[in-house]
């Protein structure tokens, strides 16, 4: 390739002018990319110059390089883990130039503020950063994101969650739709719109992903890390525990009571002109079986064991009686003098066979996925109630549906499902549960953590992280 021949002073101004033109032409990129212009050594036939930038601006620099290469006959481009540079000069001595560029001191950095000051016309000419807010069913995020400076941020809202990109049966049309809202900077709710590697690969403009909670299994963090796309979560620091042992525990207990006391069907029958349905079931003296005895399981044991007088048994793969005793003391079911009913660690089969209420409290992983199947469900008493407020895929859904269709247990109460939101033609929606010998079914739309104060705090933190990112500052609660 030909070298670019100009004197140092003329060259710097030419580079600045060219960057201005390119920034104006690339409407989909903001002007907040940190750019450093570095003078290289003078050559008899030209001048070497480089741009250095942050890893988070990788996509920006790739596009910038493409434009420069097309317009200015750039010799070479190099992108490593932390920074990238462009070098103008001759093909010979390429490695030497790279070393020389890296040895220079601290040249001036072009932050967004510096660019706006030096090139005020960019503020008008540059398109705002596109931000997509996904999965906000209640609209709580809107006033927060709409308060952002509209000259800097163009915010769109997509409240309806589409089927997962990589789920069998998802149409190509739906996959294409998923790439539209997700291609700007998305803010999403935990466990709603998944971001698998296949979808991330189709989002060339994705530069930041904000989620909620301190983990999100629906995100392929390895793929995001490989692309250099930062990911940050959000926690409700003002209401500690509301998303964990408080909110979900309250919802779990509400579902147990709804299934035992026929709340949903009695409400419906009265509103339909009828009166009583089936007799209710008392919980006192009955056995509560907890599949998982962590923070949530222990909190449920505290309420149903302490307030309702249920006997508590528990199982998980690594649960010992010693750990069960510790949980029982935390729940107030085992006193320091050894008195109290406590929590008894049992085998998996014994739990499903003897419990009157089985409640799941496990984290979804490759090990726990499908850990409740037809085998366990058919061990349950005909009078038993099955409750799941953890994750749908912990249970083999088809096996559960079959057991309920045959009326093998009294009732099920679910807050979570394999596919969320439930499709309109889902059997959970269309089957006449509680009729023709089928079990009773109580359903809620994954509301275990959906509290207004919590969502409000989460979206406040998302907005703050977006502003941090715009200023080039460290993100709060990075997920990798």
Protein backbone atom coordinates (compact mmCIF):
# COMPACT_ATOMS: atom_id res chain seq x y z
CA UNK A 1 0.00 0.00 0.00
CA UNK A 2 1.01 3.61 -0.45
CA UNK A 3 2.07 5.61 2.53
CA UNK A 4 0.44 8.89 3.49
CA UNK A 5 2.90 11.71 2.95
CA UNK A 6 2.44 14.87 5.01
CA UNK A 7 4.26 16.86 7.60
CA UNK A 8 3.59 16.25 11.31
CA UNK A 9 1.50 19.41 12.00
CA UNK A 10 -0.48 19.02 8.80
CA UNK A 11 -0.91 15.34 9.53
CA UNK A 12 -2.41 15.87 12.98
CA UNK A 13 -4.96 18.33 11.65
CA UNK A 14 -5.77 16.04 8.74
CA UNK A 15 -6.38 13.17 11.15
CA UNK A 16 -8.60 15.30 13.37
CA UNK A 17 -10.60 16.50 10.39
CA UNK A 18 -10.98 12.98 9.08
CA UNK A 19 -12.15 11.69 12.48
CA UNK A 20 -14.76 14.45 12.59
CA UNK A 21 -16.08 13.48 9.17
CA UNK A 22 -16.17 9.80 10.05
CA UNK A 23 -17.87 10.37 13.39
CA UNK A 24 -20.51 12.44 11.64
CA UNK A 25 -21.08 9.71 9.08
CA UNK A 26 -21.39 6.81 11.52
CA UNK A 27 -24.75 7.70 13.01
CA UNK A 28 -25.11 4.44 14.88
CA UNK A 29 -22.05 5.13 17.03
CA UNK A 30 -21.97 7.69 19.86
CA UNK A 31 -19.16 10.16 20.33
CA UNK A 32 -18.20 8.87 23.74
CA UNK A 33 -15.49 6.53 22.46
CA UNK A 34 -12.19 7.37 24.12
CA UNK A 35 -9.65 8.15 21.42
CA UNK A 36 -5.97 8.92 21.82
CA UNK A 37 -4.03 10.37 18.89
CA UNK A 38 -0.36 9.41 19.12
CA UNK A 39 2.48 10.89 17.12
CA UNK A 40 4.88 8.32 15.78
CA UNK A 41 8.40 8.86 14.45
CA UNK A 42 9.03 11.06 11.44
CA UNK A 43 10.04 9.14 8.34
CA UNK A 44 11.61 10.28 5.15
CA UNK A 45 8.52 9.21 3.30
CA UNK A 46 5.80 10.00 5.82
CA UNK A 47 4.60 9.97 9.41
CA UNK A 48 3.31 7.25 11.69
CA UNK A 49 0.30 7.96 13.83
CA UNK A 50 -1.95 5.80 15.99
CA UNK A 51 -5.31 5.79 17.69
CA UNK A 52 -5.63 4.01 21.01
CA UNK A 53 -8.91 3.22 22.70
CA UNK A 54 -10.66 1.17 25.34
CA UNK A 55 -11.77 -2.44 24.91
CA UNK A 56 -15.41 -1.41 25.38
CA UNK A 57 -15.12 0.64 22.15
CA UNK A 58 -13.87 -2.29 20.08
CA UNK A 59 -16.82 -2.18 17.65
CA UNK A 60 -16.50 1.56 17.25
CA UNK A 61 -12.85 1.30 16.37
CA UNK A 62 -13.43 -1.54 13.94
CA UNK A 63 -15.94 0.58 12.07
CA UNK A 64 -13.69 3.62 12.26
CA UNK A 65 -10.80 1.60 10.91
CA UNK A 66 -12.96 0.31 8.07
CA UNK A 67 -13.83 3.86 7.05
CA UNK A 68 -10.24 5.05 7.35
CA UNK A 69 -8.94 2.08 5.40
CA UNK A 70 -11.37 2.77 2.61
CA UNK A 71 -10.67 6.49 2.48
CA UNK A 72 -7.07 6.90 3.55
CA UNK A 73 -5.22 3.76 2.47
CA UNK A 74 -4.37 2.76 6.01
CA UNK A 75 -1.46 0.37 6.16
CA UNK A 76 -2.30 -1.84 9.13
CA UNK A 77 -4.67 -2.42 12.00
CA UNK A 78 -4.11 -4.27 15.25
CA UNK A 79 -6.59 -5.01 18.03
CA UNK A 80 -5.56 -6.71 21.25
CA UNK A 81 -7.23 -7.36 24.59
CA UNK A 82 -7.10 -3.85 25.96
CA UNK A 83 -6.54 -1.33 23.21
CA UNK A 84 -6.26 -0.86 19.51
CA UNK A 85 -4.29 1.40 17.22
CA UNK A 86 -4.11 2.39 13.61
CA UNK A 87 -0.78 3.10 12.02
CA UNK A 88 -0.10 5.20 8.96
CA UNK A 89 3.19 4.61 7.17
CA UNK A 90 5.11 2.20 5.02
CA UNK A 91 4.75 -1.56 5.06
CA UNK A 92 8.41 -1.97 5.94
CA UNK A 93 9.24 -1.60 9.61
CA UNK A 94 5.66 -2.39 10.69
CA UNK A 95 6.61 -4.17 13.92
CA UNK A 96 9.15 -1.51 14.78
CA UNK A 97 6.52 1.18 14.35
CA UNK A 98 4.19 -0.69 16.68
CA UNK A 99 6.84 -0.83 19.37
CA UNK A 100 7.71 2.82 18.91
CA UNK A 101 4.08 3.83 19.22
CA UNK A 102 3.73 1.86 22.46
CA UNK A 103 6.75 3.64 23.95
CA UNK A 104 5.27 7.13 23.73
CA UNK A 105 4.18 8.96 26.86
CA UNK A 106 0.67 10.10 27.73
CA UNK A 107 -0.80 11.97 24.76
CA UNK A 108 -4.07 13.90 25.13
CA UNK A 109 -7.18 11.72 25.37
CA UNK A 110 -10.33 12.54 23.49
CA UNK A 111 -13.24 11.80 25.81
CA UNK A 112 -16.81 12.64 24.86
CA UNK A 113 -16.50 15.97 26.69
CA UNK A 114 -13.26 16.82 24.88
CA UNK A 115 -14.76 15.92 21.53
CA UNK A 116 -17.81 18.07 22.19
CA UNK A 117 -15.58 20.98 23.22
CA UNK A 118 -13.22 20.69 20.26
CA UNK A 119 -15.89 19.78 17.71
CA UNK A 120 -19.16 21.38 18.89
CA UNK A 121 -20.80 20.65 15.56
CA UNK A 122 -20.73 16.96 16.46
CA UNK A 123 -23.34 17.47 19.15
CA UNK A 124 -25.88 18.35 16.50
CA UNK A 125 -24.62 16.09 13.77
CA UNK A 126 -24.22 12.95 15.84
CA UNK A 127 -27.14 10.62 16.38
CA UNK A 128 -27.92 9.72 20.02
CA UNK A 129 -27.03 6.37 21.55
CA UNK A 130 -29.81 3.87 20.93
CA UNK A 131 -31.08 2.18 24.08
CA UNK A 132 -33.62 -0.66 24.09
CA UNK A 133 -35.46 -1.49 27.32
CA UNK A 134 -36.77 -5.05 27.17
CA UNK A 135 -39.29 -7.02 29.22
CA UNK A 136 -40.65 -4.26 31.45
CA UNK A 137 -44.19 -5.58 31.78
CA UNK A 138 -45.32 -2.92 34.26
CA UNK A 139 -43.77 0.16 32.59
CA UNK A 140 -41.80 1.07 35.73
CA UNK A 141 -38.66 1.88 33.72
CA UNK A 142 -40.25 4.41 31.37
CA UNK A 143 -40.12 7.60 33.48
CA UNK A 144 -36.55 6.80 34.49
CA UNK A 145 -35.18 6.23 30.99
CA UNK A 146 -37.26 9.01 29.44
CA UNK A 147 -35.61 11.45 31.87
CA UNK A 148 -32.29 10.89 30.08
CA UNK A 149 -31.00 13.61 27.80
CA UNK A 150 -32.78 12.90 24.47
CA UNK A 151 -29.92 14.47 22.53
CA UNK A 152 -27.64 11.75 23.88
CA UNK A 153 -29.96 8.75 24.30
CA UNK A 154 -32.71 7.48 22.03
CA UNK A 155 -34.72 5.07 24.19
CA UNK A 156 -37.21 2.48 22.89
CA UNK A 157 -39.34 0.13 24.98
CA UNK A 158 -40.18 -3.46 24.10
CA UNK A 159 -42.41 -4.81 26.89
CA UNK A 160 -43.48 -8.03 25.16
CA UNK A 161 -40.98 -10.86 25.55
CA UNK A 162 -40.51 -12.88 22.37
CA UNK A 163 -39.81 -16.64 22.36
CA UNK A 164 -36.14 -17.49 23.04
CA UNK A 165 -33.83 -17.21 20.03
CA UNK A 166 -32.29 -20.67 20.35
CA UNK A 167 -35.36 -22.59 21.50
CA UNK A 168 -36.50 -25.37 19.13
CA UNK A 169 -39.60 -24.20 17.32
CA UNK A 170 -38.74 -20.49 17.33
CA UNK A 171 -39.37 -19.29 13.78
CA UNK A 172 -36.79 -17.48 11.69
CA UNK A 173 -39.14 -14.49 11.59
CA UNK A 174 -39.12 -14.33 15.38
CA UNK A 175 -35.33 -14.71 15.45
CA UNK A 176 -35.08 -11.76 13.08
CA UNK A 177 -37.42 -9.74 15.29
CA UNK A 178 -35.21 -10.42 18.30
CA UNK A 179 -32.24 -8.79 16.60
CA UNK A 180 -34.09 -5.50 16.15
CA UNK A 181 -34.66 -4.34 19.74
CA UNK A 182 -31.52 -5.99 21.07
CA UNK A 183 -29.04 -4.39 18.65
CA UNK A 184 -28.70 -1.05 20.47
CA UNK A 185 -27.80 -1.01 24.16
CA UNK A 186 -30.35 -3.28 25.83
CA UNK A 187 -31.55 -3.21 29.40
CA UNK A 188 -33.32 -6.45 30.24
CA UNK A 189 -34.98 -8.16 33.20
CA UNK A 190 -33.33 -11.26 34.62
CA UNK A 191 -34.43 -14.60 33.16
CA UNK A 192 -36.69 -13.03 30.52
CA UNK A 193 -35.19 -12.42 27.05
CA UNK A 194 -32.25 -14.85 26.74
CA UNK A 195 -29.04 -13.76 25.03
CA UNK A 196 -27.41 -16.98 23.72
CA UNK A 197 -24.23 -16.90 21.66
CA UNK A 198 -26.20 -17.27 18.42
CA UNK A 199 -28.18 -14.10 19.09
CA UNK A 200 -25.16 -12.15 20.32
CA UNK A 201 -23.36 -13.00 17.06
CA UNK A 202 -26.17 -11.27 15.15
CA UNK A 203 -25.87 -8.03 17.11
CA UNK A 204 -22.85 -6.23 15.62
CA UNK A 205 -23.72 -2.91 17.29
CA UNK A 206 -24.20 -4.27 20.80
CA UNK A 207 -21.81 -2.43 23.13
CA UNK A 208 -23.35 -2.76 26.60
CA UNK A 209 -25.89 -5.07 28.25
CA UNK A 210 -27.64 -4.17 31.49
CA UNK A 211 -29.67 -6.72 33.43
CA UNK A 212 -31.17 -7.02 36.90
CA UNK A 213 -30.18 -9.12 39.87
CA UNK A 214 -26.62 -10.28 40.53
CA UNK A 215 -26.79 -13.17 38.06
CA UNK A 216 -28.72 -14.01 34.92
CA UNK A 217 -28.53 -17.55 33.57
CA UNK A 218 -30.21 -16.43 30.35
CA UNK A 219 -27.06 -14.55 29.28
CA UNK A 220 -24.13 -16.27 27.59
CA UNK A 221 -21.44 -14.40 29.49
CA UNK A 222 -18.63 -16.22 27.68
CA UNK A 223 -19.90 -14.97 24.31
CA UNK A 224 -20.38 -11.44 25.66
CA UNK A 225 -16.91 -11.47 27.21
CA UNK A 226 -15.38 -12.68 23.94
CA UNK A 227 -16.95 -9.71 22.16
CA UNK A 228 -15.76 -7.31 24.85
CA UNK A 229 -19.34 -6.33 25.68
CA UNK A 230 -19.61 -5.28 29.34
CA UNK A 231 -22.51 -6.70 31.38
CA UNK A 232 -23.79 -5.28 34.65
CA UNK A 233 -26.57 -6.33 37.01
CA UNK A 234 -28.60 -4.43 39.59
CA UNK A 235 -29.57 -5.10 43.20
CA UNK A 236 -32.09 -3.49 45.52
CA UNK A 237 -29.79 -2.20 48.26
CA UNK A 238 -32.52 -0.12 49.90
CA UNK A 239 -34.72 -3.17 50.52
CA UNK A 240 -32.22 -5.91 51.29
CA UNK A 241 -33.65 -9.40 50.98
CA UNK A 242 -36.88 -8.44 49.24
CA UNK A 243 -35.93 -10.30 46.08
CA UNK A 244 -34.64 -13.30 47.97
CA UNK A 245 -35.91 -14.63 51.24
CA UNK A 246 -38.74 -12.12 51.69
CA UNK A 247 -40.53 -11.57 48.39
CA UNK A 248 -40.30 -15.07 46.96
CA UNK A 249 -40.98 -16.63 50.35
CA UNK A 250 -44.18 -14.63 50.75
CA UNK A 251 -45.29 -15.65 47.28
CA UNK A 252 -44.50 -19.30 47.92
CA UNK A 253 -46.53 -19.33 51.15
CA UNK A 254 -49.38 -17.55 49.36
CA UNK A 255 -49.44 -20.28 46.70
CA UNK A 256 -49.43 -23.05 49.32
CA UNK A 257 -52.40 -21.42 51.05
CA UNK A 258 -54.19 -20.78 47.74
CA UNK A 259 -53.90 -24.47 46.80
CA UNK A 260 -54.86 -25.75 50.27
CA UNK A 261 -57.78 -23.35 50.76
CA UNK A 262 -59.15 -23.42 47.15
CA UNK A 263 -58.72 -19.64 46.87
CA UNK A 264 -58.54 -19.38 43.08
CA UNK A 265 -61.44 -21.71 42.24
CA UNK A 266 -63.68 -20.29 44.99
CA UNK A 267 -63.02 -16.76 43.75
CA UNK A 268 -63.90 -17.81 40.20
CA UNK A 269 -67.06 -19.71 41.16
CA UNK A 270 -68.47 -16.77 43.13
CA UNK A 271 -67.79 -14.36 40.27
CA UNK A 272 -69.47 -16.86 37.91
CA UNK A 273 -72.67 -17.00 39.98
CA UNK A 274 -71.92 -20.14 42.01
CA UNK A 275 -71.00 -20.82 45.61
CA UNK A 276 -68.68 -23.33 47.35
CA UNK A 277 -66.40 -25.78 45.54
CA UNK A 278 -64.33 -28.51 47.27
CA UNK A 279 -63.49 -28.61 50.99
CA UNK A 280 -60.25 -26.94 52.05
CA UNK A 281 -57.29 -28.73 53.64
CA UNK A 282 -55.69 -27.77 56.95
CA UNK A 283 -51.89 -27.52 57.08
CA UNK A 284 -51.43 -27.97 60.84
CA UNK A 285 -49.73 -31.24 61.67
CA UNK A 286 -49.10 -32.00 57.99
CA UNK A 287 -45.63 -32.60 56.51
CA UNK A 288 -43.83 -29.97 54.45
CA UNK A 289 -41.17 -31.41 52.13
CA UNK A 290 -38.52 -28.92 51.01
CA UNK A 291 -36.46 -29.79 47.95
CA UNK A 292 -33.54 -27.53 48.75
CA UNK A 293 -32.78 -26.01 52.16
CA UNK A 294 -30.90 -22.82 51.41
CA UNK A 295 -32.01 -19.30 52.28
CA UNK A 296 -35.42 -19.61 50.60
CA UNK A 297 -36.17 -23.10 51.85
CA UNK A 298 -35.26 -22.10 55.39
CA UNK A 299 -37.47 -19.00 55.20
CA UNK A 300 -40.45 -21.08 54.04
CA UNK A 301 -39.78 -23.56 56.86
CA UNK A 302 -39.82 -20.70 59.37
CA UNK A 303 -43.34 -19.63 58.32
CA UNK A 304 -45.06 -22.92 57.53
CA UNK A 305 -43.31 -24.79 60.32
CA UNK A 306 -43.47 -22.06 62.94
CA UNK A 307 -46.75 -20.27 62.21
CA UNK A 308 -48.78 -23.14 60.73
CA UNK A 309 -47.40 -26.01 62.77
CA UNK A 310 -46.22 -28.18 59.87
CA UNK A 311 -43.56 -30.84 60.36
CA UNK A 312 -40.61 -30.10 58.06
CA UNK A 313 -38.44 -32.55 56.15
CA UNK A 314 -35.86 -31.65 53.49
CA UNK A 315 -33.68 -33.13 50.80
CA UNK A 316 -30.94 -32.01 48.47
CA UNK A 317 -27.97 -33.91 47.08
CA UNK A 318 -25.51 -32.63 49.69
CA UNK A 319 -27.82 -32.04 52.65
CA UNK A 320 -26.73 -33.56 55.95
CA UNK A 321 -28.61 -33.65 59.25
CA UNK A 322 -26.03 -31.30 60.70
CA UNK A 323 -26.80 -28.70 58.05
CA UNK A 324 -30.53 -29.30 58.49
CA UNK A 325 -30.14 -28.62 62.22
CA UNK A 326 -28.36 -25.36 61.46
CA UNK A 327 -31.21 -24.32 59.16
CA UNK A 328 -33.75 -25.34 61.81
CA UNK A 329 -32.03 -23.13 64.40
CA UNK A 330 -32.03 -20.24 61.90
CA UNK A 331 -35.76 -20.82 61.33
CA UNK A 332 -36.50 -20.99 65.06
CA UNK A 333 -37.64 -24.61 64.77
CA UNK A 334 -34.82 -25.98 66.93
CA UNK A 335 -33.92 -24.23 70.18
CA UNK A 336 -30.50 -24.08 71.77
CA UNK A 337 -31.54 -26.63 74.40
CA UNK A 338 -32.39 -29.12 71.67
CA UNK A 339 -36.14 -28.77 71.99
CA UNK A 340 -38.40 -28.17 69.00
CA UNK A 341 -39.40 -30.24 66.01
CA UNK A 342 -36.44 -29.14 63.90
CA UNK A 343 -35.97 -30.11 60.26
CA UNK A 344 -35.30 -33.73 59.38
CA UNK A 345 -32.98 -34.55 56.47
CA UNK A 346 -34.42 -37.44 54.45
CA UNK A 347 -33.86 -39.23 51.17
CA UNK A 348 -35.44 -37.96 47.99
CA UNK A 349 -37.92 -40.84 47.65
CA UNK A 350 -39.02 -40.56 51.27
CA UNK A 351 -39.68 -36.85 50.87
CA UNK A 352 -41.93 -37.27 47.83
CA UNK A 353 -43.65 -40.28 49.34
CA UNK A 354 -44.47 -38.77 52.76
CA UNK A 355 -44.85 -35.01 52.26
CA UNK A 356 -48.28 -33.37 52.12
CA UNK A 357 -46.78 -30.26 50.52
CA UNK A 358 -43.67 -30.46 48.33
CA UNK A 359 -41.97 -27.10 47.60
CA UNK A 360 -38.95 -26.60 45.32
CA UNK A 361 -36.11 -24.28 46.35
CA UNK A 362 -33.15 -25.15 44.12
CA UNK A 363 -30.97 -23.08 41.81
CA UNK A 364 -31.34 -24.16 38.19
CA UNK A 365 -28.13 -25.72 36.82
CA UNK A 366 -27.13 -28.58 34.54
CA UNK A 367 -27.16 -30.81 37.62
CA UNK A 368 -30.63 -29.82 38.86
CA UNK A 369 -32.41 -29.45 35.51
CA UNK A 370 -35.19 -32.04 35.33
CA UNK A 371 -34.48 -33.32 38.85
CA UNK A 372 -38.24 -33.79 39.41
CA UNK A 373 -39.73 -36.20 36.88
CA UNK A 374 -42.59 -38.65 36.55
CA UNK A 375 -40.85 -41.04 38.94
CA UNK A 376 -40.83 -38.56 41.85
CA UNK A 377 -44.29 -37.14 41.09
CA UNK A 378 -45.95 -40.54 41.10
CA UNK A 379 -44.53 -41.22 44.56
CA UNK A 380 -46.62 -38.36 45.97
CA UNK A 381 -49.80 -38.86 47.98
CA UNK A 382 -53.09 -38.39 46.09
CA UNK A 383 -53.88 -35.60 48.59
CA UNK A 384 -50.52 -33.82 48.18
CA UNK A 385 -49.79 -30.32 46.85
CA UNK A 386 -46.79 -29.54 44.64
CA UNK A 387 -45.38 -25.98 44.56
CA UNK A 388 -42.66 -24.47 42.39
CA UNK A 389 -41.52 -20.85 42.78
CA UNK A 390 -37.89 -21.54 41.75
CA UNK A 391 -37.45 -22.32 38.04
CA UNK A 392 -39.69 -24.20 35.62
CA UNK A 393 -37.01 -26.47 34.09
CA UNK A 394 -36.32 -28.06 37.49
CA UNK A 395 -39.35 -30.18 36.66
CA UNK A 396 -39.91 -32.27 33.52
CA UNK A 397 -42.95 -30.32 32.36
CA UNK A 398 -44.54 -33.03 30.24
CA UNK A 399 -44.35 -35.46 33.16
CA UNK A 400 -46.02 -32.96 35.48
CA UNK A 401 -48.77 -32.24 32.96
CA UNK A 402 -49.46 -35.94 32.55
CA UNK A 403 -49.68 -36.51 36.32
CA UNK A 404 -52.11 -33.60 36.65
CA UNK A 405 -54.22 -34.69 33.67
CA UNK A 406 -54.73 -38.02 35.45
CA UNK A 407 -55.51 -36.33 38.76
CA UNK A 408 -52.72 -38.19 40.56
CA UNK A 409 -52.26 -35.43 43.17
CA UNK A 410 -54.64 -32.90 44.73
CA UNK A 411 -53.16 -29.70 43.35
CA UNK A 412 -50.17 -27.88 41.92
CA UNK A 413 -49.26 -24.20 42.38
CA UNK A 414 -46.73 -22.75 39.93
CA UNK A 415 -45.08 -19.37 39.50
CA UNK A 416 -42.48 -20.52 36.95
CA UNK A 417 -42.59 -22.37 33.63
CA UNK A 418 -40.34 -23.84 30.95
CA UNK A 419 -41.24 -21.07 28.50
CA UNK A 420 -42.12 -17.61 29.74
CA UNK A 421 -44.37 -15.82 29.04
CA UNK A 422 -46.66 -18.78 28.48
CA UNK A 423 -47.81 -19.08 24.84
CA UNK A 424 -51.54 -18.55 24.33
CA UNK A 425 -51.93 -22.17 23.27
CA UNK A 426 -50.04 -23.56 26.27
CA UNK A 427 -51.73 -26.51 27.94
CA UNK A 428 -51.42 -24.64 31.21
CA UNK A 429 -53.80 -22.03 29.78
CA UNK A 430 -56.16 -24.16 27.74
CA UNK A 431 -56.81 -27.24 29.91
CA UNK A 432 -59.90 -27.24 32.14
CA UNK A 433 -58.05 -27.94 35.35
CA UNK A 434 -60.03 -29.31 38.27
CA UNK A 435 -62.65 -30.85 35.97
CA UNK A 436 -63.19 -34.38 34.67
CA UNK A 437 -60.84 -35.90 37.23
CA UNK A 438 -57.94 -33.49 36.64
CA UNK A 439 -55.95 -31.97 39.48
CA UNK A 440 -56.50 -28.40 40.64
CA UNK A 441 -53.95 -25.92 39.25
CA UNK A 442 -53.06 -22.47 40.56
CA UNK A 443 -50.88 -20.35 38.26
CA UNK A 444 -49.17 -16.98 38.66
CA UNK A 445 -46.98 -15.25 35.99
CA UNK A 446 -43.54 -15.42 37.66
CA UNK A 447 -44.39 -12.84 40.31
CA UNK A 448 -42.14 -14.13 43.09
CA UNK A 449 -39.74 -11.17 42.86
CA UNK A 450 -42.01 -8.60 41.20
CA UNK A 451 -42.34 -5.95 43.88
CA UNK A 452 -42.63 -2.29 42.94
CA UNK A 453 -39.93 -1.03 45.30
CA UNK A 454 -37.48 -3.63 44.02
CA UNK A 455 -38.12 -3.00 40.33
CA UNK A 456 -37.93 0.73 40.97
CA UNK A 457 -34.48 0.34 42.55
CA UNK A 458 -33.28 -2.00 39.79
CA UNK A 459 -34.15 0.44 37.00
CA UNK A 460 -32.60 3.36 38.92
CA UNK A 461 -29.37 1.38 39.01
CA UNK A 462 -29.60 0.50 35.31
CA UNK A 463 -29.89 4.17 34.41
CA UNK A 464 -26.96 5.05 36.67
CA UNK A 465 -24.85 2.32 35.06
CA UNK A 466 -25.75 3.61 31.61
CA UNK A 467 -24.55 7.08 32.63
CA UNK A 468 -21.40 5.58 34.16
CA UNK A 469 -20.69 3.81 30.88
CA UNK A 470 -21.31 7.02 28.94
CA UNK A 471 -18.79 8.83 31.15
CA UNK A 472 -16.25 6.05 30.75
CA UNK A 473 -16.45 5.08 34.44
CA UNK A 474 -16.38 1.62 36.02
CA UNK A 475 -19.75 -0.13 36.00
CA UNK A 476 -21.42 -1.13 39.24
CA UNK A 477 -22.04 -4.86 39.81
CA UNK A 478 -20.28 -6.19 36.72
CA UNK A 479 -21.22 -9.81 36.01
CA UNK A 480 -17.80 -10.80 34.69
